[in-house]
Amino acid sequence: MLGAARLLFILFVVLTIVYVSLSFYSRSVRRQKLEDQYHHDGMPGDKETFIREGLEEYDGSVRRKLIWGVYVIPLTAIAILIYVTNFM
């Protein structure tokens, strides 16, 4: 049991690093798309305000929530594997 707890702790640390990296990458890609859209469409108004509003909208989007799959899928797979190994 101690081995499984250690494995899950290390996995959680690694998945946190992956999650933070994906989060920063995804946000930077979205920011770049908003900047390109601002310049391509010739939007009136302040560029920073347009980008800030676009990123606020992005924070509530489904794609941002799907990054949480970084945690859910591997931990669920390991839990199922441990269950099947020990109880079946």
PDB file of N, CA and C in Angstrom:
ATOM      1  N   MET A   1       0.816  -1.194   0.000  1.00  0.00           N
ATOM      2  CA  MET A   1       0.000   0.000   0.000  1.00  0.00           C
ATOM      3  C   MET A   1       0.858   1.256   0.000  1.00  0.00           C
ATOM      4  N   LEU A   2       1.987   1.193   0.717  1.00  0.00           N
ATOM      5  CA  LEU A   2       2.884   2.338   0.771  1.00  0.00           C
ATOM      6  C   LEU A   2       3.497   2.608  -0.610  1.00  0.00           C
ATOM      7  N   GLY A   3       3.760   1.540  -1.345  1.00  0.00           N
ATOM      8  CA  GLY A   3       4.291   1.693  -2.697  1.00  0.00           C
ATOM      9  C   GLY A   3       3.305   2.389  -3.611  1.00  0.00           C
ATOM     10  N   ALA A   4       2.038   2.042  -3.491  1.00  0.00           N
ATOM     11  CA  ALA A   4       1.010   2.684  -4.317  1.00  0.00           C
ATOM     12  C   ALA A   4       0.864   4.148  -3.954  1.00  0.00           C
ATOM     13  N   ALA A   5       0.940   4.476  -2.669  1.00  0.00           N
ATOM     14  CA  ALA A   5       0.835   5.872  -2.236  1.00  0.00           C
ATOM     15  C   ALA A   5       2.016   6.683  -2.765  1.00  0.00           C
ATOM     16  N   ARG A   6       3.200   6.095  -2.714  1.00  0.00           N
ATOM     17  CA  ARG A   6       4.383   6.776  -3.240  1.00  0.00           C
ATOM     18  C   ARG A   6       4.255   6.986  -4.751  1.00  0.00           C
ATOM     19  N   LEU A   7       3.780   5.967  -5.454  1.00  0.00           N
ATOM     20  CA  LEU A   7       3.567   6.076  -6.892  1.00  0.00           C
ATOM     21  C   LEU A   7       2.576   7.188  -7.219  1.00  0.00           C
ATOM     22  N   LEU A   8       1.475   7.223  -6.499  1.00  0.00           N
ATOM     23  CA  LEU A   8       0.469   8.254  -6.756  1.00  0.00           C
ATOM     24  C   LEU A   8       0.988   9.650  -6.445  1.00  0.00           C
ATOM     25  N   PHE A   9       1.795   9.786  -5.402  1.00  0.00           N
ATOM     26  CA  PHE A   9       2.366  11.091  -5.076  1.00  0.00           C
ATOM     27  C   PHE A   9       3.310  11.571  -6.174  1.00  0.00           C
ATOM     28  N   ILE A  10       4.198  10.690  -6.620  1.00  0.00           N
ATOM     29  CA  ILE A  10       5.132  11.053  -7.697  1.00  0.00           C
ATOM     30  C   ILE A  10       4.372  11.353  -8.977  1.00  0.00           C
ATOM     31  N   LEU A  11       3.380  10.539  -9.275  1.00  0.00           N
ATOM     32  CA  LEU A  11       2.555  10.771 -10.459  1.00  0.00           C
ATOM     33  C   LEU A  11       1.836  12.110 -10.373  1.00  0.00           C
ATOM     34  N   PHE A  12       1.318  12.444  -9.205  1.00  0.00           N
ATOM     35  CA  PHE A  12       0.636  13.724  -9.025  1.00  0.00           C
ATOM     36  C   PHE A  12       1.588  14.897  -9.259  1.00  0.00           C
ATOM     37  N   VAL A  13       2.817  14.788  -8.780  1.00  0.00           N
ATOM     38  CA  VAL A  13       3.802  15.853  -8.998  1.00  0.00           C
ATOM     39  C   VAL A  13       4.117  15.989 -10.492  1.00  0.00           C
ATOM     40  N   VAL A  14       4.339  14.872 -11.159  1.00  0.00           N
ATOM     41  CA  VAL A  14       4.637  14.908 -12.593  1.00  0.00           C
ATOM     42  C   VAL A  14       3.448  15.458 -13.378  1.00  0.00           C
ATOM     43  N   LEU A  15       2.233  15.016 -13.041  1.00  0.00           N
ATOM     44  CA  LEU A  15       1.043  15.506 -13.745  1.00  0.00           C
ATOM     45  C   LEU A  15       0.814  16.986 -13.496  1.00  0.00           C
ATOM     46  N   THR A  16       1.176  17.474 -12.320  1.00  0.00           N
ATOM     47  CA  THR A  16       1.056  18.906 -12.043  1.00  0.00           C
ATOM     48  C   THR A  16       2.001  19.701 -12.935  1.00  0.00           C
ATOM     49  N   ILE A  17       3.209  19.209 -13.113  1.00  0.00           N
ATOM     50  CA  ILE A  17       4.165  19.872 -14.008  1.00  0.00           C
ATOM     51  C   ILE A  17       3.635  19.868 -15.438  1.00  0.00           C
ATOM     52  N   VAL A  18       3.096  18.738 -15.875  1.00  0.00           N
ATOM     53  CA  VAL A  18       2.530  18.644 -17.226  1.00  0.00           C
ATOM     54  C   VAL A  18       1.340  19.592 -17.368  1.00  0.00           C
ATOM     55  N   TYR A  19       0.471  19.640 -16.343  1.00  0.00           N
ATOM     56  CA  TYR A  19      -0.695  20.507 -16.393  1.00  0.00           C
ATOM     57  C   TYR A  19      -0.300  21.973 -16.490  1.00  0.00           C
ATOM     58  N   VAL A  20       0.646  22.399 -15.681  1.00  0.00           N
ATOM     59  CA  VAL A  20       1.074  23.803 -15.702  1.00  0.00           C
ATOM     60  C   VAL A  20       1.698  24.140 -17.049  1.00  0.00           C
ATOM     61  N   SER A  21       2.506  23.242 -17.585  1.00  0.00           N
ATOM     62  CA  SER A  21       3.116  23.471 -18.898  1.00  0.00           C
ATOM     63  C   SER A  21       2.063  23.581 -19.988  1.00  0.00           C
ATOM     64  N   LEU A  22       1.107  22.649 -20.002  1.00  0.00           N
ATOM     65  CA  LEU A  22       0.035  22.702 -21.002  1.00  0.00           C
ATOM     66  C   LEU A  22      -0.824  23.959 -20.846  1.00  0.00           C
ATOM     67  N   SER A  23      -1.066  24.347 -19.623  1.00  0.00           N
ATOM     68  CA  SER A  23      -1.883  25.528 -19.366  1.00  0.00           C
ATOM     69  C   SER A  23      -1.207  26.781 -19.917  1.00  0.00           C
ATOM     70  N   PHE A  24       0.082  26.942 -19.625  1.00  0.00           N
ATOM     71  CA  PHE A  24       0.807  28.110 -20.145  1.00  0.00           C
ATOM     72  C   PHE A  24       0.877  28.080 -21.664  1.00  0.00           C
ATOM     73  N   TYR A  25       1.131  26.911 -22.228  1.00  0.00           N
ATOM     74  CA  TYR A  25       1.214  26.792 -23.682  1.00  0.00           C
ATOM     75  C   TYR A  25      -0.125  27.120 -24.340  1.00  0.00           C
ATOM     76  N   SER A  26      -1.199  26.545 -23.818  1.00  0.00           N
ATOM     77  CA  SER A  26      -2.517  26.759 -24.395  1.00  0.00           C
ATOM     78  C   SER A  26      -2.933  28.232 -24.308  1.00  0.00           C
ATOM     79  N   ARG A  27      -2.640  28.855 -23.176  1.00  0.00           N
ATOM     80  CA  ARG A  27      -2.977  30.263 -23.008  1.00  0.00           C
ATOM     81  C   ARG A  27      -2.159  31.145 -23.953  1.00  0.00           C
ATOM     82  N   SER A  28      -0.885  30.811 -24.157  1.00  0.00           N
ATOM     83  CA  SER A  28      -0.061  31.616 -25.058  1.00  0.00           C
ATOM     84  C   SER A  28      -0.518  31.463 -26.510  1.00  0.00           C
ATOM     85  N   VAL A  29      -0.944  30.251 -26.877  1.00  0.00           N
ATOM     86  CA  VAL A  29      -1.476  30.045 -28.233  1.00  0.00           C
ATOM     87  C   VAL A  29      -2.753  30.865 -28.427  1.00  0.00           C
ATOM     88  N   ARG A  30      -3.622  30.870 -27.422  1.00  0.00           N
ATOM     89  CA  ARG A  30      -4.856  31.647 -27.510  1.00  0.00           C
ATOM     90  C   ARG A  30      -4.565  33.139 -27.594  1.00  0.00           C
ATOM     91  N   ARG A  31      -3.596  33.598 -26.814  1.00  0.00           N
ATOM     92  CA  ARG A  31      -3.217  35.013 -26.839  1.00  0.00           C
ATOM     93  C   ARG A  31      -2.701  35.400 -28.230  1.00  0.00           C
ATOM     94  N   GLN A  32      -1.872  34.529 -28.819  1.00  0.00           N
ATOM     95  CA  GLN A  32      -1.343  34.809 -30.153  1.00  0.00           C
ATOM     96  C   GLN A  32      -2.464  34.868 -31.185  1.00  0.00           C
ATOM     97  N   LYS A  33      -3.439  33.969 -31.078  1.00  0.00           N
ATOM     98  CA  LYS A  33      -4.572  34.000 -32.005  1.00  0.00           C
ATOM     99  C   LYS A  33      -5.381  35.279 -31.857  1.00  0.00           C
ATOM    100  N   LEU A  34      -5.557  35.741 -30.619  1.00  0.00           N
ATOM    101  CA  LEU A  34      -6.282  36.992 -30.394  1.00  0.00           C
ATOM    102  C   LEU A  34      -5.517  38.178 -30.970  1.00  0.00           C
ATOM    103  N   GLU A  35      -4.198  38.193 -30.810  1.00  0.00           N
ATOM    104  CA  GLU A  35      -3.394  39.270 -31.396  1.00  0.00           C
ATOM    105  C   GLU A  35      -3.478  39.252 -32.914  1.00  0.00           C
ATOM    106  N   ASP A  36      -3.397  38.065 -33.502  1.00  0.00           N
ATOM    107  CA  ASP A  36      -3.521  37.953 -34.963  1.00  0.00           C
ATOM    108  C   ASP A  36      -4.892  38.417 -35.438  1.00  0.00           C
ATOM    109  N   GLN A  37      -5.932  38.037 -34.709  1.00  0.00           N
ATOM    110  CA  GLN A  37      -7.286  38.450 -35.074  1.00  0.00           C
ATOM    111  C   GLN A  37      -7.426  39.963 -34.971  1.00  0.00           C
ATOM    112  N   TYR A  38      -6.852  40.564 -33.954  1.00  0.00           N
ATOM    113  CA  TYR A  38      -6.927  42.014 -33.764  1.00  0.00           C
ATOM    114  C   TYR A  38      -6.272  42.740 -34.938  1.00  0.00           C
ATOM    115  N   HIS A  39      -5.091  42.266 -35.338  1.00  0.00           N
ATOM    116  CA  HIS A  39      -4.381  42.924 -36.439  1.00  0.00           C
ATOM    117  C   HIS A  39      -5.018  42.621 -37.793  1.00  0.00           C
ATOM    118  N   HIS A  40      -5.501  41.409 -37.993  1.00  0.00           N
ATOM    119  CA  HIS A  40      -6.076  41.021 -39.278  1.00  0.00           C
ATOM    120  C   HIS A  40      -7.402  41.725 -39.534  1.00  0.00           C
ATOM    121  N   ASP A  41      -8.252  41.807 -38.524  1.00  0.00           N
ATOM    122  CA  ASP A  41      -9.576  42.405 -38.692  1.00  0.00           C
ATOM    123  C   ASP A  41      -9.564  43.917 -38.544  1.00  0.00           C
ATOM    124  N   GLY A  42      -8.453  44.485 -38.092  1.00  0.00           N
ATOM    125  CA  GLY A  42      -8.385  45.934 -37.913  1.00  0.00           C
ATOM    126  C   GLY A  42      -9.388  46.425 -36.884  1.00  0.00           C
ATOM    127  N   MET A  43      -9.416  45.769 -35.752  1.00  0.00           N
ATOM    128  CA  MET A  43     -10.398  46.078 -34.707  1.00  0.00           C
ATOM    129  C   MET A  43     -10.171  47.477 -34.144  1.00  0.00           C
ATOM    130  N   PRO A  44     -11.250  48.205 -33.894  1.00  0.00           N
ATOM    131  CA  PRO A  44     -11.099  49.499 -33.232  1.00  0.00           C
ATOM    132  C   PRO A  44     -10.929  49.298 -31.728  1.00  0.00           C
ATOM    133  N   GLY A  45     -10.326  50.243 -31.059  1.00  0.00           N
ATOM    134  CA  GLY A  45     -10.194  50.163 -29.608  1.00  0.00           C
ATOM    135  C   GLY A  45      -8.821  49.699 -29.181  1.00  0.00           C
ATOM    136  N   ASP A  46      -8.695  49.527 -27.895  1.00  0.00           N
ATOM    137  CA  ASP A  46      -7.425  49.164 -27.284  1.00  0.00           C
ATOM    138  C   ASP A  46      -7.128  47.678 -27.475  1.00  0.00           C
ATOM    139  N   LYS A  47      -5.913  47.393 -27.930  1.00  0.00           N
ATOM    140  CA  LYS A  47      -5.503  46.019 -28.184  1.00  0.00           C
ATOM    141  C   LYS A  47      -5.467  45.207 -26.890  1.00  0.00           C
ATOM    142  N   GLU A  48      -4.910  45.761 -25.831  1.00  0.00           N
ATOM    143  CA  GLU A  48      -4.791  45.038 -24.560  1.00  0.00           C
ATOM    144  C   GLU A  48      -6.159  44.702 -23.968  1.00  0.00           C
ATOM    145  N   THR A  49      -7.118  45.607 -24.115  1.00  0.00           N
ATOM    146  CA  THR A  49      -8.470  45.344 -23.620  1.00  0.00           C
ATOM    147  C   THR A  49      -9.110  44.199 -24.401  1.00  0.00           C
ATOM    148  N   PHE A  50      -8.928  44.208 -25.718  1.00  0.00           N
ATOM    149  CA  PHE A  50      -9.459  43.136 -26.562  1.00  0.00           C
ATOM    150  C   PHE A  50      -8.867  41.788 -26.162  1.00  0.00           C
ATOM    151  N   ILE A  51      -7.551  41.752 -25.946  1.00  0.00           N
ATOM    152  CA  ILE A  51      -6.885  40.511 -25.591  1.00  0.00           C
ATOM    153  C   ILE A  51      -7.313  40.063 -24.196  1.00  0.00           C
ATOM    154  N   ARG A  52      -7.400  40.979 -23.234  1.00  0.00           N
ATOM    155  CA  ARG A  52      -7.797  40.625 -21.868  1.00  0.00           C
ATOM    156  C   ARG A  52      -9.202  40.043 -21.845  1.00  0.00           C
ATOM    157  N   GLU A  53     -10.131  40.664 -22.590  1.00  0.00           N
ATOM    158  CA  GLU A  53     -11.506  40.151 -22.648  1.00  0.00           C
ATOM    159  C   GLU A  53     -11.559  38.786 -23.322  1.00  0.00           C
ATOM    160  N   GLY A  54     -10.759  38.608 -24.364  1.00  0.00           N
ATOM    161  CA  GLY A  54     -10.704  37.316 -25.042  1.00  0.00           C
ATOM    162  C   GLY A  54     -10.156  36.221 -24.142  1.00  0.00           C
ATOM    163  N   LEU A  55      -9.144  36.549 -23.342  1.00  0.00           N
ATOM    164  CA  LEU A  55      -8.572  35.562 -22.425  1.00  0.00           C
ATOM    165  C   LEU A  55      -9.519  35.269 -21.270  1.00  0.00           C
ATOM    166  N   GLU A  56     -10.292  36.249 -20.833  1.00  0.00           N
ATOM    167  CA  GLU A  56     -11.293  35.995 -19.785  1.00  0.00           C
ATOM    168  C   GLU A  56     -12.365  35.038 -20.301  1.00  0.00           C
ATOM    169  N   GLU A  57     -12.765  35.223 -21.555  1.00  0.00           N
ATOM    170  CA  GLU A  57     -13.741  34.317 -22.171  1.00  0.00           C
ATOM    171  C   GLU A  57     -13.138  32.919 -22.318  1.00  0.00           C
ATOM    172  N   TYR A  58     -11.864  32.858 -22.659  1.00  0.00           N
ATOM    173  CA  TYR A  58     -11.165  31.578 -22.820  1.00  0.00           C
ATOM    174  C   TYR A  58     -11.068  30.829 -21.500  1.00  0.00           C
ATOM    175  N   ASP A  59     -10.907  31.548 -20.395  1.00  0.00           N
ATOM    176  CA  ASP A  59     -10.773  30.897 -19.087  1.00  0.00           C
ATOM    177  C   ASP A  59     -11.995  30.061 -18.736  1.00  0.00           C
ATOM    178  N   GLY A  60     -13.158  30.421 -19.242  1.00  0.00           N
ATOM    179  CA  GLY A  60     -14.369  29.664 -18.963  1.00  0.00           C
ATOM    180  C   GLY A  60     -14.728  28.658 -20.038  1.00  0.00           C
ATOM    181  N   SER A  61     -13.870  28.494 -21.031  1.00  0.00           N
ATOM    182  CA  SER A  61     -14.208  27.630 -22.156  1.00  0.00           C
ATOM    183  C   SER A  61     -14.010  26.151 -21.828  1.00  0.00           C
ATOM    184  N   VAL A  62     -14.534  25.315 -22.672  1.00  0.00           N
ATOM    185  CA  VAL A  62     -14.446  23.866 -22.495  1.00  0.00           C
ATOM    186  C   VAL A  62     -13.001  23.394 -22.677  1.00  0.00           C
ATOM    187  N   ARG A  63     -12.290  23.986 -23.612  1.00  0.00           N
ATOM    188  CA  ARG A  63     -10.924  23.548 -23.884  1.00  0.00           C
ATOM    189  C   ARG A  63     -10.049  23.689 -22.643  1.00  0.00           C
ATOM    190  N   ARG A  64     -10.244  24.763 -21.922  1.00  0.00           N
ATOM    191  CA  ARG A  64      -9.472  24.977 -20.691  1.00  0.00           C
ATOM    192  C   ARG A  64      -9.789  23.897 -19.656  1.00  0.00           C
ATOM    193  N   LYS A  65     -11.044  23.496 -19.591  1.00  0.00           N
ATOM    194  CA  LYS A  65     -11.442  22.463 -18.632  1.00  0.00           C
ATOM    195  C   LYS A  65     -10.961  21.082 -19.058  1.00  0.00           C
ATOM    196  N   LEU A  66     -10.772  20.876 -20.343  1.00  0.00           N
ATOM    197  CA  LEU A  66     -10.303  19.577 -20.814  1.00  0.00           C
ATOM    198  C   LEU A  66      -8.868  19.301 -20.394  1.00  0.00           C
ATOM    199  N   ILE A  67      -8.131  20.338 -20.091  1.00  0.00           N
ATOM    200  CA  ILE A  67      -6.759  20.136 -19.635  1.00  0.00           C
ATOM    201  C   ILE A  67      -6.758  19.362 -18.314  1.00  0.00           C
ATOM    202  N   TRP A  68      -7.857  19.482 -17.549  1.00  0.00           N
ATOM    203  CA  TRP A  68      -7.943  18.721 -16.302  1.00  0.00           C
ATOM    204  C   TRP A  68      -7.919  17.221 -16.570  1.00  0.00           C
ATOM    205  N   GLY A  69      -8.167  16.814 -17.799  1.00  0.00           N
ATOM    206  CA  GLY A  69      -8.044  15.408 -18.167  1.00  0.00           C
ATOM    207  C   GLY A  69      -6.638  14.886 -17.954  1.00  0.00           C
ATOM    208  N   VAL A  70      -5.690  15.792 -17.849  1.00  0.00           N
ATOM    209  CA  VAL A  70      -4.318  15.404 -17.545  1.00  0.00           C
ATOM    210  C   VAL A  70      -4.282  14.689 -16.198  1.00  0.00           C
ATOM    211  N   TYR A  71      -5.126  15.118 -15.275  1.00  0.00           N
ATOM    212  CA  TYR A  71      -5.178  14.465 -13.967  1.00  0.00           C
ATOM    213  C   TYR A  71      -6.131  13.273 -13.958  1.00  0.00           C
ATOM    214  N   VAL A  72      -7.297  13.451 -14.502  1.00  0.00           N
ATOM    215  CA  VAL A  72      -8.363  12.464 -14.342  1.00  0.00           C
ATOM    216  C   VAL A  72      -8.049  11.154 -15.053  1.00  0.00           C
ATOM    217  N   ILE A  73      -7.632  11.203 -16.285  1.00  0.00           N
ATOM    218  CA  ILE A  73      -7.433   9.989 -17.081  1.00  0.00           C
ATOM    219  C   ILE A  73      -6.327   9.089 -16.516  1.00  0.00           C
ATOM    220  N   PRO A  74      -5.120   9.607 -16.256  1.00  0.00           N
ATOM    221  CA  PRO A  74      -4.091   8.700 -15.713  1.00  0.00           C
ATOM    222  C   PRO A  74      -4.422   8.159 -14.327  1.00  0.00           C
ATOM    223  N   LEU A  75      -4.966   8.998 -13.450  1.00  0.00           N
ATOM    224  CA  LEU A  75      -5.280   8.529 -12.101  1.00  0.00           C
ATOM    225  C   LEU A  75      -6.408   7.496 -12.122  1.00  0.00           C
ATOM    226  N   THR A  76      -7.377   7.683 -12.987  1.00  0.00           N
ATOM    227  CA  THR A  76      -8.453   6.704 -13.125  1.00  0.00           C
ATOM    228  C   THR A  76      -7.917   5.390 -13.682  1.00  0.00           C
ATOM    229  N   ALA A  77      -7.048   5.472 -14.665  1.00  0.00           N
ATOM    230  CA  ALA A  77      -6.464   4.262 -15.243  1.00  0.00           C
ATOM    231  C   ALA A  77      -5.657   3.487 -14.204  1.00  0.00           C
ATOM    232  N   ILE A  78      -4.909   4.188 -13.398  1.00  0.00           N
ATOM    233  CA  ILE A  78      -4.130   3.510 -12.357  1.00  0.00           C
ATOM    234  C   ILE A  78      -5.044   2.906 -11.303  1.00  0.00           C
ATOM    235  N   ALA A  79      -6.097   3.628 -10.918  1.00  0.00           N
ATOM    236  CA  ALA A  79      -7.039   3.086  -9.928  1.00  0.00           C
ATOM    237  C   ALA A  79      -7.706   1.822 -10.455  1.00  0.00           C
ATOM    238  N   ILE A  80      -8.098   1.818 -11.716  1.00  0.00           N
ATOM    239  CA  ILE A  80      -8.719   0.628 -12.312  1.00  0.00           C
ATOM    240  C   ILE A  80      -7.712  -0.518 -12.370  1.00  0.00           C
ATOM    241  N   LEU A  81      -6.485  -0.212 -12.749  1.00  0.00           N
ATOM    242  CA  LEU A  81      -5.445  -1.233 -12.811  1.00  0.00           C
ATOM    243  C   LEU A  81      -5.188  -1.844 -11.440  1.00  0.00           C
ATOM    244  N   ILE A  82      -5.108  -1.033 -10.415  1.00  0.00           N
ATOM    245  CA  ILE A  82      -4.900  -1.541  -9.056  1.00  0.00           C
ATOM    246  C   ILE A  82      -6.091  -2.390  -8.616  1.00  0.00           C
ATOM    247  N   TYR A  83      -7.299  -1.939  -8.908  1.00  0.00           N
ATOM    248  CA  TYR A  83      -8.492  -2.698  -8.542  1.00  0.00           C
ATOM    249  C   TYR A  83      -8.520  -4.053  -9.235  1.00  0.00           C
ATOM    250  N   VAL A  84      -8.288  -4.054 -10.540  1.00  0.00           N
ATOM    251  CA  VAL A  84      -8.332  -5.305 -11.304  1.00  0.00           C
ATOM    252  C   VAL A  84      -7.229  -6.247 -10.828  1.00  0.00           C
ATOM    253  N   THR A  85      -6.057  -5.733 -10.559  1.00  0.00           N
ATOM    254  CA  THR A  85      -4.938  -6.563 -10.111  1.00  0.00           C
ATOM    255  C   THR A  85      -5.218  -7.189  -8.741  1.00  0.00           C
ATOM    256  N   ASN A  86      -5.802  -6.430  -7.855  1.00  0.00           N
ATOM    257  CA  ASN A  86      -5.969  -6.920  -6.486  1.00  0.00           C
ATOM    258  C   ASN A  86      -7.285  -7.659  -6.236  1.00  0.00           C
ATOM    259  N   PHE A  87      -8.344  -7.323  -6.943  1.00  0.00           N
ATOM    260  CA  PHE A  87      -9.650  -7.867  -6.591  1.00  0.00           C
ATOM    261  C   PHE A  87     -10.300  -8.725  -7.661  1.00  0.00           C
ATOM    262  N   MET A  88      -9.655  -8.978  -8.738  1.00  0.00           N
ATOM    263  CA  MET A  88     -10.261  -9.828  -9.763  1.00  0.00           C
ATOM    264  C   MET A  88      -9.428 -11.045 -10.025  1.00  0.00           C
TER     265      MET A  88
END
